């Protein structure tokens, strides 16, 4: 996020792209230069103006210079909106998640293997959770040429050890 110009000529440049009536944006980093996690632990600090502007752009109607979103969809874990300063057990109108998303529905696509943080996204960010399983994975192993190279290196090492003995 960058601010270009000043006064009435100032423009806010947001990282995102519009596809028809859908705007896909990257959630702005939270925190301060050199200390990106600071706001997560400093309960009396406020988000920087560009962070607030990002969410207000989504919420505000087009005639007020915004996008006029009908909903926000967050993808992935460890977003920052639900971690902002405010009451830990429930929001009030003065908590930052309330101030930022306002009345926008928040759909949160979250991995099912992290229920504790997904509940925080639900409680503090008013997220409607759409859970998904993490894809299975296994060791990839080596391709043919690398497998052959590993065998040659093992033979070389074994020969060198025999000759040294």
C-alpha atoms as a PDB file:
ATOM      1  CA  UNK A   1       0.000   0.000   0.000  1.00  0.00           C
ATOM      2  CA  UNK A   2       1.337   3.400  -0.949  1.00  0.00           C
ATOM      3  CA  UNK A   3       0.049   6.910  -0.701  1.00  0.00           C
ATOM      4  CA  UNK A   4       0.872   9.074  -3.710  1.00  0.00           C
ATOM      5  CA  UNK A   5       0.485  12.840  -3.667  1.00  0.00           C
ATOM      6  CA  UNK A   6      -0.895  14.932  -0.861  1.00  0.00           C
ATOM      7  CA  UNK A   7      -3.964  16.889   0.151  1.00  0.00           C
ATOM      8  CA  UNK A   8      -6.991  16.574  -2.144  1.00  0.00           C
ATOM      9  CA  UNK A   9      -4.788  15.078  -4.873  1.00  0.00           C
ATOM     10  CA  UNK A  10      -3.624  12.166  -2.676  1.00  0.00           C
ATOM     11  CA  UNK A  11      -4.290   8.657  -3.947  1.00  0.00           C
ATOM     12  CA  UNK A  12      -4.012   5.365  -2.161  1.00  0.00           C
ATOM     13  CA  UNK A  13      -2.485   2.534  -4.192  1.00  0.00           C
ATOM     14  CA  UNK A  14      -3.645  -0.887  -3.019  1.00  0.00           C
ATOM     15  CA  UNK A  15      -2.153  -4.225  -3.994  1.00  0.00           C
ATOM     16  CA  UNK A  16      -4.931  -5.972  -5.824  1.00  0.00           C
ATOM     17  CA  UNK A  17      -6.683  -6.632  -9.099  1.00  0.00           C
ATOM     18  CA  UNK A  18     -10.250  -6.354 -10.233  1.00  0.00           C
ATOM     19  CA  UNK A  19     -11.927  -9.150 -12.191  1.00  0.00           C
ATOM     20  CA  UNK A  20     -15.394  -7.946 -13.154  1.00  0.00           C
ATOM     21  CA  UNK A  21     -17.241  -7.340  -9.883  1.00  0.00           C
ATOM     22  CA  UNK A  22     -14.618  -9.166  -7.788  1.00  0.00           C
ATOM     23  CA  UNK A  23     -11.565  -7.435  -6.359  1.00  0.00           C
ATOM     24  CA  UNK A  24      -8.720  -9.673  -5.212  1.00  0.00           C
ATOM     25  CA  UNK A  25      -6.338  -7.933  -2.845  1.00  0.00           C
ATOM     26  CA  UNK A  26      -3.433  -8.882  -0.662  1.00  0.00           C
ATOM     27  CA  UNK A  27      -4.071  -8.137   2.996  1.00  0.00           C
ATOM     28  CA  UNK A  28      -1.654  -5.375   3.961  1.00  0.00           C
ATOM     29  CA  UNK A  29       1.101  -6.184   6.410  1.00  0.00           C
ATOM     30  CA  UNK A  30       0.369  -5.323   9.973  1.00  0.00           C
ATOM     31  CA  UNK A  31       2.896  -3.648  12.177  1.00  0.00           C
ATOM     32  CA  UNK A  32       5.752  -1.303  11.774  1.00  0.00           C
ATOM     33  CA  UNK A  33       8.793  -1.392   9.501  1.00  0.00           C
ATOM     34  CA  UNK A  34      11.365  -3.610  11.157  1.00  0.00           C
ATOM     35  CA  UNK A  35       8.813  -5.028  13.615  1.00  0.00           C
ATOM     36  CA  UNK A  36       5.903  -6.532  11.652  1.00  0.00           C
ATOM     37  CA  UNK A  37       4.445  -8.410  14.636  1.00  0.00           C
ATOM     38  CA  UNK A  38       4.416  -5.493  17.066  1.00  0.00           C
ATOM     39  CA  UNK A  39       0.710  -4.686  16.817  1.00  0.00           C
ATOM     40  CA  UNK A  40      -0.173  -8.269  17.640  1.00  0.00           C
ATOM     41  CA  UNK A  41       1.208  -7.831  21.137  1.00  0.00           C
ATOM     42  CA  UNK A  42       0.821  -4.119  21.852  1.00  0.00           C
ATOM     43  CA  UNK A  43      -2.821  -3.786  22.874  1.00  0.00           C
ATOM     44  CA  UNK A  44      -2.808   0.011  23.036  1.00  0.00           C
ATOM     45  CA  UNK A  45      -1.490   0.617  19.507  1.00  0.00           C
ATOM     46  CA  UNK A  46      -3.671   1.217  16.483  1.00  0.00           C
ATOM     47  CA  UNK A  47      -3.292  -0.113  12.936  1.00  0.00           C
ATOM     48  CA  UNK A  48      -1.460   2.197  10.555  1.00  0.00           C
ATOM     49  CA  UNK A  49      -3.613   4.400   8.288  1.00  0.00           C
ATOM     50  CA  UNK A  50      -2.936   2.356   5.139  1.00  0.00           C
ATOM     51  CA  UNK A  51      -4.185  -0.802   6.853  1.00  0.00           C
ATOM     52  CA  UNK A  52      -7.387   0.943   7.895  1.00  0.00           C
ATOM     53  CA  UNK A  53      -7.772   2.437   4.416  1.00  0.00           C
ATOM     54  CA  UNK A  54      -7.578  -1.039   2.855  1.00  0.00           C
ATOM     55  CA  UNK A  55     -10.631  -2.270   4.753  1.00  0.00           C
ATOM     56  CA  UNK A  56     -12.521   1.002   4.439  1.00  0.00           C
ATOM     57  CA  UNK A  57     -11.965   0.900   0.652  1.00  0.00           C
ATOM     58  CA  UNK A  58     -13.641  -2.512   0.585  1.00  0.00           C
ATOM     59  CA  UNK A  59     -16.556  -1.390   2.750  1.00  0.00           C
ATOM     60  CA  UNK A  60     -17.278   2.078   1.357  1.00  0.00           C
ATOM     61  CA  UNK A  61     -19.647   2.399  -1.576  1.00  0.00           C
ATOM     62  CA  UNK A  62     -18.299   3.310  -5.014  1.00  0.00           C
ATOM     63  CA  UNK A  63     -19.833   6.788  -4.853  1.00  0.00           C
ATOM     64  CA  UNK A  64     -17.750   7.369  -1.703  1.00  0.00           C
ATOM     65  CA  UNK A  65     -14.497   6.281  -3.369  1.00  0.00           C
ATOM     66  CA  UNK A  66     -14.623   2.659  -2.256  1.00  0.00           C
ATOM     67  CA  UNK A  67     -15.181  -0.688  -3.902  1.00  0.00           C
ATOM     68  CA  UNK A  68     -18.557  -1.308  -2.297  1.00  0.00           C
ATOM     69  CA  UNK A  69     -17.965  -4.971  -1.471  1.00  0.00           C
ATOM     70  CA  UNK A  70     -20.865  -7.189  -0.500  1.00  0.00           C
ATOM     71  CA  UNK A  71     -18.567  -9.462   1.509  1.00  0.00           C
ATOM     72  CA  UNK A  72     -14.929 -10.088   2.371  1.00  0.00           C
ATOM     73  CA  UNK A  73     -13.359 -13.493   1.772  1.00  0.00           C
ATOM     74  CA  UNK A  74     -10.122 -14.235   3.619  1.00  0.00           C
ATOM     75  CA  UNK A  75      -8.010 -17.178   2.451  1.00  0.00           C
ATOM     76  CA  UNK A  76      -5.428 -18.961   4.563  1.00  0.00           C
ATOM     77  CA  UNK A  77      -4.341 -18.928   8.151  1.00  0.00           C
ATOM     78  CA  UNK A  78      -2.649 -16.196  10.111  1.00  0.00           C
ATOM     79  CA  UNK A  79      -4.517 -13.243   8.768  1.00  0.00           C
ATOM     80  CA  UNK A  80      -4.132 -10.139  10.841  1.00  0.00           C
ATOM     81  CA  UNK A  81      -7.578  -8.595  11.081  1.00  0.00           C
ATOM     82  CA  UNK A  82      -8.774 -10.929  13.844  1.00  0.00           C
ATOM     83  CA  UNK A  83      -5.586 -10.382  15.876  1.00  0.00           C
ATOM     84  CA  UNK A  84      -5.944  -6.616  16.187  1.00  0.00           C
ATOM     85  CA  UNK A  85      -6.202  -4.878  19.545  1.00  0.00           C
ATOM     86  CA  UNK A  86      -9.539  -5.180  21.263  1.00  0.00           C
ATOM     87  CA  UNK A  87     -11.252  -7.301  23.861  1.00  0.00           C
ATOM     88  CA  UNK A  88      -9.996 -10.892  23.699  1.00  0.00           C
ATOM     89  CA  UNK A  89     -13.292 -12.631  24.435  1.00  0.00           C
ATOM     90  CA  UNK A  90     -15.725 -10.703  22.308  1.00  0.00           C
ATOM     91  CA  UNK A  91     -15.815  -7.540  20.307  1.00  0.00           C
ATOM     92  CA  UNK A  92     -17.414  -4.233  21.072  1.00  0.00           C
ATOM     93  CA  UNK A  93     -18.024  -1.452  18.583  1.00  0.00           C
ATOM     94  CA  UNK A  94     -14.672   0.046  19.599  1.00  0.00           C
ATOM     95  CA  UNK A  95     -12.604  -3.073  18.768  1.00  0.00           C
ATOM     96  CA  UNK A  96     -10.532  -2.908  15.600  1.00  0.00           C
ATOM     97  CA  UNK A  97     -12.093  -5.936  13.882  1.00  0.00           C
ATOM     98  CA  UNK A  98     -15.494  -4.219  14.294  1.00  0.00           C
ATOM     99  CA  UNK A  99     -14.191  -0.880  13.071  1.00  0.00           C
ATOM    100  CA  UNK A 100     -12.492  -2.356  10.009  1.00  0.00           C
ATOM    101  CA  UNK A 101     -14.997  -4.825   8.607  1.00  0.00           C
ATOM    102  CA  UNK A 102     -18.074  -2.969   9.793  1.00  0.00           C
ATOM    103  CA  UNK A 103     -21.169  -4.706   8.538  1.00  0.00           C
ATOM    104  CA  UNK A 104     -19.409  -6.701   5.813  1.00  0.00           C
ATOM    105  CA  UNK A 105     -19.892 -10.466   6.042  1.00  0.00           C
ATOM    106  CA  UNK A 106     -16.525 -12.167   6.523  1.00  0.00           C
ATOM    107  CA  UNK A 107     -16.119 -15.574   4.870  1.00  0.00           C
ATOM    108  CA  UNK A 108     -12.927 -17.227   6.058  1.00  0.00           C
ATOM    109  CA  UNK A 109     -11.508 -20.219   4.188  1.00  0.00           C
ATOM    110  CA  UNK A 110      -9.442 -21.930   6.873  1.00  0.00           C
ATOM    111  CA  UNK A 111      -7.520 -25.192   7.178  1.00  0.00           C
ATOM    112  CA  UNK A 112      -9.360 -27.768   9.293  1.00  0.00           C
ATOM    113  CA  UNK A 113      -6.151 -28.810  11.050  1.00  0.00           C
ATOM    114  CA  UNK A 114      -5.967 -25.560  13.042  1.00  0.00           C
ATOM    115  CA  UNK A 115      -9.227 -25.352  15.004  1.00  0.00           C
ATOM    116  CA  UNK A 116      -7.946 -23.092  17.778  1.00  0.00           C
ATOM    117  CA  UNK A 117      -6.976 -20.253  15.443  1.00  0.00           C
ATOM    118  CA  UNK A 118     -10.002 -20.740  13.239  1.00  0.00           C
ATOM    119  CA  UNK A 119     -12.209 -20.207  16.298  1.00  0.00           C
ATOM    120  CA  UNK A 120     -10.403 -16.935  16.938  1.00  0.00           C
ATOM    121  CA  UNK A 121     -11.095 -15.885  13.348  1.00  0.00           C
ATOM    122  CA  UNK A 122     -14.738 -16.776  13.921  1.00  0.00           C
ATOM    123  CA  UNK A 123     -15.074 -15.052  17.293  1.00  0.00           C
ATOM    124  CA  UNK A 124     -12.955 -11.928  16.776  1.00  0.00           C
ATOM    125  CA  UNK A 125     -13.301 -11.533  13.000  1.00  0.00           C
ATOM    126  CA  UNK A 126     -16.932 -12.672  12.793  1.00  0.00           C
ATOM    127  CA  UNK A 127     -15.795 -15.171  10.187  1.00  0.00           C
ATOM    128  CA  UNK A 128     -18.119 -17.684   8.634  1.00  0.00           C
ATOM    129  CA  UNK A 129     -15.658 -20.553   8.409  1.00  0.00           C
ATOM    130  CA  UNK A 130     -15.316 -22.713   5.348  1.00  0.00           C
ATOM    131  CA  UNK A 131     -12.917 -25.449   6.417  1.00  0.00           C
ATOM    132  CA  UNK A 132     -10.788 -27.532   4.115  1.00  0.00           C
ATOM    133  CA  UNK A 133      -8.446 -30.426   4.690  1.00  0.00           C
ATOM    134  CA  UNK A 134      -4.756 -29.987   4.079  1.00  0.00           C
ATOM    135  CA  UNK A 135      -3.715 -32.005   1.019  1.00  0.00           C
ATOM    136  CA  UNK A 136      -1.819 -35.220   1.831  1.00  0.00           C
ATOM    137  CA  UNK A 137       1.875 -35.197   1.238  1.00  0.00           C
ATOM    138  CA  UNK A 138       4.757 -37.634   1.362  1.00  0.00           C
ATOM    139  CA  UNK A 139       8.460 -37.657   0.707  1.00  0.00           C
ATOM    140  CA  UNK A 140       9.127 -36.833  -2.907  1.00  0.00           C
ATOM    141  CA  UNK A 141      12.271 -38.913  -3.274  1.00  0.00           C
ATOM    142  CA  UNK A 142      14.853 -38.427  -6.003  1.00  0.00           C
ATOM    143  CA  UNK A 143      14.489 -38.496  -9.775  1.00  0.00           C
ATOM    144  CA  UNK A 144      16.322 -41.113 -11.847  1.00  0.00           C
ATOM    145  CA  UNK A 145      19.486 -39.129 -12.483  1.00  0.00           C
ATOM    146  CA  UNK A 146      19.771 -37.934  -8.894  1.00  0.00           C
ATOM    147  CA  UNK A 147      19.107 -41.442  -7.590  1.00  0.00           C
ATOM    148  CA  UNK A 148      21.915 -42.770  -9.800  1.00  0.00           C
ATOM    149  CA  UNK A 149      24.201 -39.929  -8.623  1.00  0.00           C
ATOM    150  CA  UNK A 150      23.467 -40.787  -4.982  1.00  0.00           C
ATOM    151  CA  UNK A 151      24.460 -44.416  -5.688  1.00  0.00           C
ATOM    152  CA  UNK A 152      27.702 -43.323  -7.366  1.00  0.00           C
ATOM    153  CA  UNK A 153      28.578 -41.037  -4.448  1.00  0.00           C
ATOM    154  CA  UNK A 154      27.894 -43.838  -1.959  1.00  0.00           C
ATOM    155  CA  UNK A 155      30.143 -46.193  -3.989  1.00  0.00           C
ATOM    156  CA  UNK A 156      32.887 -43.563  -4.092  1.00  0.00           C
ATOM    157  CA  UNK A 157      32.675 -42.981  -0.336  1.00  0.00           C
ATOM    158  CA  UNK A 158      32.744 -46.709   0.374  1.00  0.00           C
ATOM    159  CA  UNK A 159      35.765 -47.210  -1.908  1.00  0.00           C
ATOM    160  CA  UNK A 160      37.611 -44.278  -0.335  1.00  0.00           C
ATOM    161  CA  UNK A 161      36.991 -45.710   3.155  1.00  0.00           C
ATOM    162  CA  UNK A 162      38.261 -49.186   2.115  1.00  0.00           C
ATOM    163  CA  UNK A 163      41.382 -47.735   0.552  1.00  0.00           C
ATOM    164  CA  UNK A 164      42.102 -45.632   3.621  1.00  0.00           C
ATOM    165  CA  UNK A 165      41.858 -48.688   5.915  1.00  0.00           C
END
